C-alpha atoms as a PDB file:
ATOM      1  CA  MET A   1    -108.809  88.682 112.343  1.00  0.00           C
ATOM      2  CA  GLU A   2    -106.256  91.769 113.002  1.00  0.00           C
ATOM      3  CA  GLU A   3    -106.377  95.031 111.586  1.00  0.00           C
ATOM      4  CA  TYR A   4    -103.774  95.041 108.960  1.00  0.00           C
ATOM      5  CA  THR A   5    -103.557  98.613 107.859  1.00  0.00           C
ATOM      6  CA  PRO A   6    -102.239 100.380 110.741  1.00  0.00           C
ATOM      7  CA  ARG A   7    -100.019  97.504 111.708  1.00  0.00           C
ATOM      8  CA  ALA A   8     -98.774  97.095 108.200  1.00  0.00           C
ATOM      9  CA  ALA A   9     -97.808 100.795 108.238  1.00  0.00           C
ATOM     10  CA  GLY A  10     -96.148 100.553 111.524  1.00  0.00           C
ATOM     11  CA  LEU A  11     -94.383  97.520 110.138  1.00  0.00           C
ATOM     12  CA  LEU A  12     -93.191  99.397 106.884  1.00  0.00           C
ATOM     13  CA  GLU A  13     -91.775 102.326 109.063  1.00  0.00           C
ATOM     14  CA  ALA A  14     -89.816 100.015 111.384  1.00  0.00           C
ATOM     15  CA  TYR A  15     -88.156  98.479 108.415  1.00  0.00           C
ATOM     16  CA  GLN A  16     -87.385 101.762 106.776  1.00  0.00           C
ATOM     17  CA  ARG A  17     -86.187 103.025 110.184  1.00  0.00           C
ATOM     18  CA  ARG A  18     -83.876 100.077 110.867  1.00  0.00           C
ATOM     19  CA  ASP A  19     -82.641  99.064 106.965  1.00  0.00           C
ATOM     20  CA  PRO A  20     -80.482 101.564 105.444  1.00  0.00           C
ATOM     21  CA  ALA A  21     -80.835  99.823 102.106  1.00  0.00           C
ATOM     22  CA  ALA A  22     -84.670 100.569 102.111  1.00  0.00           C
ATOM     23  CA  ARG A  23     -85.595 103.109  99.589  1.00  0.00           C
ATOM     24  CA  SER A  24     -89.289 103.290  99.885  1.00  0.00           C
ATOM     25  CA  LYS A  25     -92.399 102.040 101.785  1.00  0.00           C
ATOM     26  CA  LEU A  26     -93.659 100.228  98.217  1.00  0.00           C
ATOM     27  CA  GLU A  27     -90.201  98.626  97.720  1.00  0.00           C
ATOM     28  CA  ILE A  28     -90.241  96.988 101.218  1.00  0.00           C
ATOM     29  CA  LEU A  29     -94.096  95.987 100.787  1.00  0.00           C
ATOM     30  CA  LEU A  30     -93.477  94.508  97.365  1.00  0.00           C
ATOM     31  CA  LEU A  31     -90.061  92.826  97.800  1.00  0.00           C
ATOM     32  CA  TYR A  32     -89.001  91.808 101.173  1.00  0.00           C
ATOM     33  CA  PRO A  33     -89.472  88.479 102.176  1.00  0.00           C
ATOM     34  CA  GLY A  34     -89.682  89.136 106.008  1.00  0.00           C
ATOM     35  CA  VAL A  35     -92.848  91.710 105.540  1.00  0.00           C
ATOM     36  CA  HIS A  36     -94.477  88.728 103.289  1.00  0.00           C
ATOM     37  CA  ALA A  37     -93.665  86.276 105.814  1.00  0.00           C
ATOM     38  CA  VAL A  38     -95.262  88.346 108.834  1.00  0.00           C
ATOM     39  CA  PHE A  39     -98.460  89.046 106.525  1.00  0.00           C
ATOM     40  CA  TYR A  40     -98.478  85.110 105.717  1.00  0.00           C
ATOM     41  CA  HIS A  41     -98.338  84.403 109.214  1.00  0.00           C
ATOM     42  CA  ARG A  42    -100.980  86.566 110.478  1.00  0.00           C
ATOM     43  CA  VAL A  43    -103.560  84.533 108.351  1.00  0.00           C
ATOM     44  CA  ALA A  44    -102.186  81.348 109.480  1.00  0.00           C
ATOM     45  CA  HIS A  45    -102.152  82.267 113.047  1.00  0.00           C
ATOM     46  CA  TRP A  46    -105.727  83.311 112.656  1.00  0.00           C
ATOM     47  CA  LEU A  47    -106.576  79.815 111.106  1.00  0.00           C
ATOM     48  CA  TYR A  48    -104.691  78.030 113.702  1.00  0.00           C
ATOM     49  CA  CYS A  49    -106.671  79.904 116.532  1.00  0.00           C
ATOM     50  CA  HIS A  50    -109.763  79.013 114.957  1.00  0.00           C
ATOM     51  CA  LYS A  51    -108.830  75.216 114.971  1.00  0.00           C
ATOM     52  CA  LEU A  52    -108.396  75.229 111.348  1.00  0.00           C
ATOM     53  CA  LYS A  53    -104.979  73.954 111.511  1.00  0.00           C
ATOM     54  CA  PHE A  54    -104.646  72.154 108.253  1.00  0.00           C
ATOM     55  CA  PRO A  55    -105.358  75.147 106.115  1.00  0.00           C
ATOM     56  CA  ALA A  56    -102.960  77.023 108.578  1.00  0.00           C
ATOM     57  CA  ARG A  57    -100.238  74.675 107.959  1.00  0.00           C
ATOM     58  CA  CYS A  58    -100.698  75.112 104.186  1.00  0.00           C
ATOM     59  CA  VAL A  59    -100.527  78.782 104.394  1.00  0.00           C
ATOM     60  CA  SER A  60     -97.244  78.506 106.662  1.00  0.00           C
ATOM     61  CA  GLN A  61     -95.710  75.839 104.132  1.00  0.00           C
ATOM     62  CA  TRP A  62     -96.562  78.156 101.085  1.00  0.00           C
ATOM     63  CA  SER A  63     -94.917  81.284 103.052  1.00  0.00           C
ATOM     64  CA  ARG A  64     -91.922  78.944 103.597  1.00  0.00           C
ATOM     65  CA  PHE A  65     -91.535  78.096 100.172  1.00  0.00           C
ATOM     66  CA  TRP A  66     -92.025  81.553  98.789  1.00  0.00           C
ATOM     67  CA  THR A  67     -89.743  83.410 101.571  1.00  0.00           C
ATOM     68  CA  GLY A  68     -87.361  81.026 102.969  1.00  0.00           C
ATOM     69  CA  ILE A  69     -88.793  81.687 106.319  1.00  0.00           C
ATOM     70  CA  GLU A  70     -90.500  79.003 108.470  1.00  0.00           C
ATOM     71  CA  ILE A  71     -92.988  80.402 111.172  1.00  0.00           C
ATOM     72  CA  HIS A  72     -95.304  77.598 112.721  1.00  0.00           C
ATOM     73  CA  PRO A  73     -98.759  78.982 112.762  1.00  0.00           C
ATOM     74  CA  GLY A  74     -99.087  78.642 116.731  1.00  0.00           C
ATOM     75  CA  ALA A  75     -96.009  81.133 117.120  1.00  0.00           C
ATOM     76  CA  GLN A  76     -97.044  84.477 118.797  1.00  0.00           C
ATOM     77  CA  ILE A  77     -95.759  87.475 117.105  1.00  0.00           C
ATOM     78  CA  GLY A  78     -95.855  91.251 118.452  1.00  0.00           C
ATOM     79  CA  ARG A  79     -95.815  94.283 116.200  1.00  0.00           C
ATOM     80  CA  ARG A  80     -93.124  95.610 114.115  1.00  0.00           C
ATOM     81  CA  LEU A  81     -91.161  92.569 114.037  1.00  0.00           C
ATOM     82  CA  VAL A  82     -88.321  93.066 111.349  1.00  0.00           C
ATOM     83  CA  ILE A  83     -86.840  90.021 109.545  1.00  0.00           C
ATOM     84  CA  ASP A  84     -83.516  91.295 107.926  1.00  0.00           C
ATOM     85  CA  HIS A  85     -82.786  88.877 104.779  1.00  0.00           C
ATOM     86  CA  GLY A  86     -84.692  86.283 106.667  1.00  0.00           C
ATOM     87  CA  CYS A  87     -83.429  83.044 104.612  1.00  0.00           C
ATOM     88  CA  GLY A  88     -83.332  80.005 106.940  1.00  0.00           C
ATOM     89  CA  ILE A  89     -85.097  81.362 109.783  1.00  0.00           C
ATOM     90  CA  VAL A  90     -87.279  78.836 111.850  1.00  0.00           C
ATOM     91  CA  ILE A  91     -89.792  79.777 114.419  1.00  0.00           C
ATOM     92  CA  GLY A  92     -91.249  76.959 116.518  1.00  0.00           C
ATOM     93  CA  GLU A  93     -95.042  76.379 117.646  1.00  0.00           C
ATOM     94  CA  THR A  94     -94.803  77.514 121.111  1.00  0.00           C
ATOM     95  CA  ALA A  95     -92.307  80.647 120.434  1.00  0.00           C
ATOM     96  CA  GLU A  96     -93.494  84.056 121.448  1.00  0.00           C
ATOM     97  CA  ILE A  97     -91.940  87.121 120.002  1.00  0.00           C
ATOM     98  CA  GLY A  98     -92.524  90.593 121.762  1.00  0.00           C
ATOM     99  CA  ASP A  99     -92.747  94.160 119.930  1.00  0.00           C
ATOM    100  CA  ASP A 100     -90.120  95.787 118.102  1.00  0.00           C
ATOM    101  CA  CYS A 101     -87.773  92.800 117.565  1.00  0.00           C
ATOM    102  CA  LEU A 102     -85.066  92.449 115.094  1.00  0.00           C
ATOM    103  CA  ILE A 103     -83.977  89.014 113.648  1.00  0.00           C
ATOM    104  CA  TYR A 104     -81.464  88.193 111.181  1.00  0.00           C
ATOM    105  CA  HIS A 105     -81.171  85.237 108.682  1.00  0.00           C
ATOM    106  CA  GLY A 106     -80.282  81.699 110.039  1.00  0.00           C
ATOM    107  CA  VAL A 107     -81.795  82.211 113.353  1.00  0.00           C
ATOM    108  CA  THR A 108     -83.720  79.353 115.030  1.00  0.00           C
ATOM    109  CA  LEU A 109     -86.291  79.647 117.854  1.00  0.00           C
ATOM    110  CA  GLY A 110     -86.579  76.079 118.591  1.00  0.00           C
ATOM    111  CA  GLY A 111     -86.932  73.584 121.380  1.00  0.00           C
ATOM    112  CA  THR A 112     -84.510  70.925 122.864  1.00  0.00           C
ATOM    113  CA  GLY A 113     -86.549  68.005 121.703  1.00  0.00           C
ATOM    114  CA  LYS A 114     -87.225  66.913 125.521  1.00  0.00           C
ATOM    115  CA  ASP A 115     -90.004  69.293 126.610  1.00  0.00           C
ATOM    116  CA  GLN A 116     -93.786  68.991 126.413  1.00  0.00           C
ATOM    117  CA  GLY A 117     -96.290  71.905 126.165  1.00  0.00           C
ATOM    118  CA  LYS A 118     -94.342  75.134 126.068  1.00  0.00           C
ATOM    119  CA  ARG A 119     -91.145  74.021 124.315  1.00  0.00           C
ATOM    120  CA  HIS A 120     -89.721  77.086 122.647  1.00  0.00           C
ATOM    121  CA  PRO A 121     -88.515  80.491 123.946  1.00  0.00           C
ATOM    122  CA  THR A 122     -90.269  83.609 124.711  1.00  0.00           C
ATOM    123  CA  ILE A 123     -88.516  86.619 123.270  1.00  0.00           C
ATOM    124  CA  GLY A 124     -89.440  90.065 125.007  1.00  0.00           C
ATOM    125  CA  ASN A 125     -89.435  93.666 123.330  1.00  0.00           C
ATOM    126  CA  ASN A 126     -86.863  95.406 121.453  1.00  0.00           C
ATOM    127  CA  VAL A 127     -84.639  92.242 121.184  1.00  0.00           C
ATOM    128  CA  LEU A 128     -81.895  91.900 118.708  1.00  0.00           C
ATOM    129  CA  ILE A 129     -81.179  88.438 117.531  1.00  0.00           C
ATOM    130  CA  SER A 130     -78.042  88.238 115.030  1.00  0.00           C
ATOM    131  CA  CYS A 131     -77.425  85.964 112.215  1.00  0.00           C
ATOM    132  CA  GLY A 132     -77.002  82.367 112.702  1.00  0.00           C
ATOM    133  CA  ALA A 133     -78.054  82.587 116.304  1.00  0.00           C
ATOM    134  CA  LYS A 134     -80.065  79.354 118.034  1.00  0.00           C
ATOM    135  CA  VAL A 135     -82.206  79.938 121.018  1.00  0.00           C
ATOM    136  CA  LEU A 136     -83.220  76.570 122.329  1.00  0.00           C
ATOM    137  CA  GLY A 137     -85.802  76.075 125.068  1.00  0.00           C
ATOM    138  CA  PRO A 138     -88.886  77.191 126.953  1.00  0.00           C
ATOM    139  CA  PHE A 139     -87.099  80.448 128.777  1.00  0.00           C
ATOM    140  CA  LYS A 140     -87.324  83.697 128.258  1.00  0.00           C
ATOM    141  CA  VAL A 141     -85.053  86.419 126.606  1.00  0.00           C
ATOM    142  CA  GLY A 142     -85.628  89.715 128.580  1.00  0.00           C
ATOM    143  CA  ASP A 143     -86.567  93.113 127.047  1.00  0.00           C
ATOM    144  CA  ASN A 144     -83.764  94.911 125.384  1.00  0.00           C
ATOM    145  CA  ALA A 145     -81.405  92.001 125.321  1.00  0.00           C
ATOM    146  CA  ARG A 146     -79.181  91.133 122.225  1.00  0.00           C
ATOM    147  CA  ILE A 147     -77.762  87.749 121.333  1.00  0.00           C
ATOM    148  CA  ALA A 148     -74.571  87.665 119.116  1.00  0.00           C
ATOM    149  CA  ALA A 149     -73.927  85.888 115.822  1.00  0.00           C
ATOM    150  CA  ASN A 150     -73.980  82.351 116.012  1.00  0.00           C
ATOM    151  CA  ALA A 151     -74.672  82.284 119.883  1.00  0.00           C
ATOM    152  CA  VAL A 152     -76.463  78.976 120.994  1.00  0.00           C
ATOM    153  CA  VAL A 153     -78.651  79.995 123.955  1.00  0.00           C
ATOM    154  CA  LEU A 154     -79.730  77.230 126.104  1.00  0.00           C
ATOM    155  CA  THR A 155     -80.864  79.365 129.483  1.00  0.00           C
ATOM    156  CA  GLY A 156     -82.565  82.364 129.929  1.00  0.00           C
ATOM    157  CA  VAL A 157     -81.015  85.957 129.151  1.00  0.00           C
ATOM    158  CA  PRO A 158     -81.972  88.999 131.557  1.00  0.00           C
ATOM    159  CA  GLU A 159     -83.093  92.168 130.171  1.00  0.00           C
ATOM    160  CA  GLY A 160     -80.431  94.340 128.838  1.00  0.00           C
ATOM    161  CA  ALA A 161     -78.108  91.726 128.542  1.00  0.00           C
ATOM    162  CA  THR A 162     -76.146  90.265 125.679  1.00  0.00           C
ATOM    163  CA  ALA A 163     -75.691  86.642 125.125  1.00  0.00           C
ATOM    164  CA  VAL A 164     -72.418  85.635 123.456  1.00  0.00           C
ATOM    165  CA  GLY A 165     -70.747  82.047 122.463  1.00  0.00           C
ATOM    166  CA  ILE A 166     -71.364  78.237 122.327  1.00  0.00           C
ATOM    167  CA  PRO A 167     -73.037  77.551 124.888  1.00  0.00           C
ATOM    168  CA  ALA A 168     -73.998  81.398 125.515  1.00  0.00           C
ATOM    169  CA  LYS A 169     -72.718  83.257 128.293  1.00  0.00           C
ATOM    170  CA  VAL A 170     -74.363  86.503 129.371  1.00  0.00           C
ATOM    171  CA  VAL A 171     -72.695  89.888 129.734  1.00  0.00           C
ATOM    172  CA  ARG A 172     -74.880  92.185 131.397  1.00  0.00           C
ATOM    173  CA  ILE A 173     -74.950  95.769 130.621  1.00  0.00           C
ATOM    174  CA  ALA A 174     -75.150  97.654 134.100  1.00  0.00           C
ATOM    175  CA  GLY A 175     -76.867 100.922 134.496  1.00  0.00           C
ATOM    176  CA  GLN A 176     -77.452 101.432 130.876  1.00  0.00           C
ATOM    177  CA  THR A 177     -80.333 101.802 128.687  1.00  0.00           C
ATOM    178  CA  ALA A 178     -79.781 101.025 125.243  1.00  0.00           C
ATOM    179  CA  HIS A 179     -82.191  99.989 122.253  1.00  0.00           C
ATOM    180  CA  PHE A 180     -79.854  97.536 120.783  1.00  0.00           C
ATOM    181  CA  ALA A 181     -82.340  96.448 118.132  1.00  0.00           C
ATOM    182  CA  ASP A 182     -82.147  99.922 116.686  1.00  0.00           C
ATOM    183  CA  GLU A 183     -78.433 100.128 117.284  1.00  0.00           C
ATOM    184  CA  VAL A 184     -78.064  97.054 114.995  1.00  0.00           C
ATOM    185  CA  ASP A 185     -74.380  96.237 116.382  1.00  0.00           C
ATOM    186  CA  GLN A 186     -73.631  92.562 116.029  1.00  0.00           C
ATOM    187  CA  THR A 187     -69.901  92.501 116.412  1.00  0.00           C
ATOM    188  CA  SER A 188     -68.762  95.039 119.188  1.00  0.00           C
ATOM    189  CA  VAL A 189     -69.398  92.734 122.264  1.00  0.00           C
ATOM    190  CA  GLU A 190     -67.114  91.181 124.639  1.00  0.00           C
ATOM    191  CA  ASP A 191     -66.507  87.289 124.528  1.00  0.00           C
ATOM    192  CA  PRO A 192     -66.489  86.438 128.146  1.00  0.00           C
ATOM    193  CA  THR A 193     -64.751  83.132 127.108  1.00  0.00           C
ATOM    194  CA  GLN A 194     -61.912  85.025 125.315  1.00  0.00           C
ATOM    195  CA  LYS A 195     -61.513  87.110 128.280  1.00  0.00           C
ATOM    196  CA  MET A 196     -61.371  84.291 130.693  1.00  0.00           C
ATOM    197  CA  LEU A 197     -58.708  82.835 128.470  1.00  0.00           C
ATOM    198  CA  GLU A 198     -56.797  86.261 128.616  1.00  0.00           C
ATOM    199  CA  ILE A 199     -56.798  86.012 132.251  1.00  0.00           C
ATOM    200  CA  LEU A 200     -55.730  82.534 132.750  1.00  0.00           C
ATOM    201  CA  SER A 201     -52.734  83.423 129.908  1.00  0.00           C
ATOM    202  CA  SER A 202     -51.623  86.219 132.043  1.00  0.00           C
ATOM    203  CA  ARG A 203     -51.669  84.111 135.488  1.00  0.00           C
ATOM    204  CA  LEU A 204     -49.507  81.418 133.737  1.00  0.00           C
ATOM    205  CA  ASP A 205     -47.108  83.935 132.721  1.00  0.00           C
ATOM    206  CA  LEU A 206     -46.628  85.514 136.248  1.00  0.00           C
ATOM    207  CA  LEU A 207     -46.263  81.716 137.397  1.00  0.00           C
ATOM    208  CA  GLU A 208     -43.575  81.019 134.956  1.00  0.00           C
ATOM    209  CA  LYS A 209     -41.731  84.325 135.859  1.00  0.00           C
ATOM    210  CA  LEU A 210     -41.873  83.382 139.496  1.00  0.00           C
ATOM    211  CA  LEU A 211     -40.559  79.945 139.050  1.00  0.00           C
ATOM    212  CA  ASP A 212     -37.879  81.238 136.513  1.00  0.00           C
ATOM    213  CA  GLU A 213     -36.821  83.715 139.223  1.00  0.00           C
ATOM    214  CA  LYS A 214     -36.825  81.035 141.942  1.00  0.00           C
ATOM    215  CA  PHE A 215     -34.712  78.802 139.661  1.00  0.00           C
ATOM    216  CA  LEU A 216     -32.072  81.623 139.192  1.00  0.00           C
ATOM    217  CA  GLU A 217     -31.967  82.295 143.004  1.00  0.00           C
ATOM    218  CA  GLU A 218     -31.398  78.680 143.911  1.00  0.00           C
ATOM    219  CA  LYS A 219     -28.945  78.367 141.071  1.00  0.00           C
ATOM    220  CA  ALA A 220     -27.024  81.434 142.484  1.00  0.00           C
END
């Protein structure tokens, strides 16, 4: 079984660093459901890896009842995962989450229902997944990526990129190193669909203007 003491200390520090409402490590340890869900999952995953799958599911289901966060015992979770609020989060059996990630409530790391074996996403290090986002399928979300609120991600996300929309489109952050999970910025992102609509609208205005000018020339 994993060494809980140093891992727990690092986890509490991560919560304190990223949550401005966190006043003390004791408060985080006793009252934050995300911390409880991770601790329960460590136990459930250990049981799962030792072929004790029924008790592993018992622990995970109790955690779901107690915290509102459902993590399959088979999921692999890295260090210092911060789950903010957490209610409604679902993490599938073959999902993998790297270190220093930040996940908000209503997030699903799920499958598409058509895959066998590896069915769920692999999340890199230092990834931010905003509230209500759905990441569905056996692809990778690269390190330092962020997924905007309510995005539906169906394909891989490159490192240092942002996924926005339904279905999600990627906006690259070229030449910039950013720790998005620390910045906790879910709203200051460009919507590529909106940008395309603005381009089409401006082109339509230009065509209408040219047609009006031609009509006036012919009338004269």
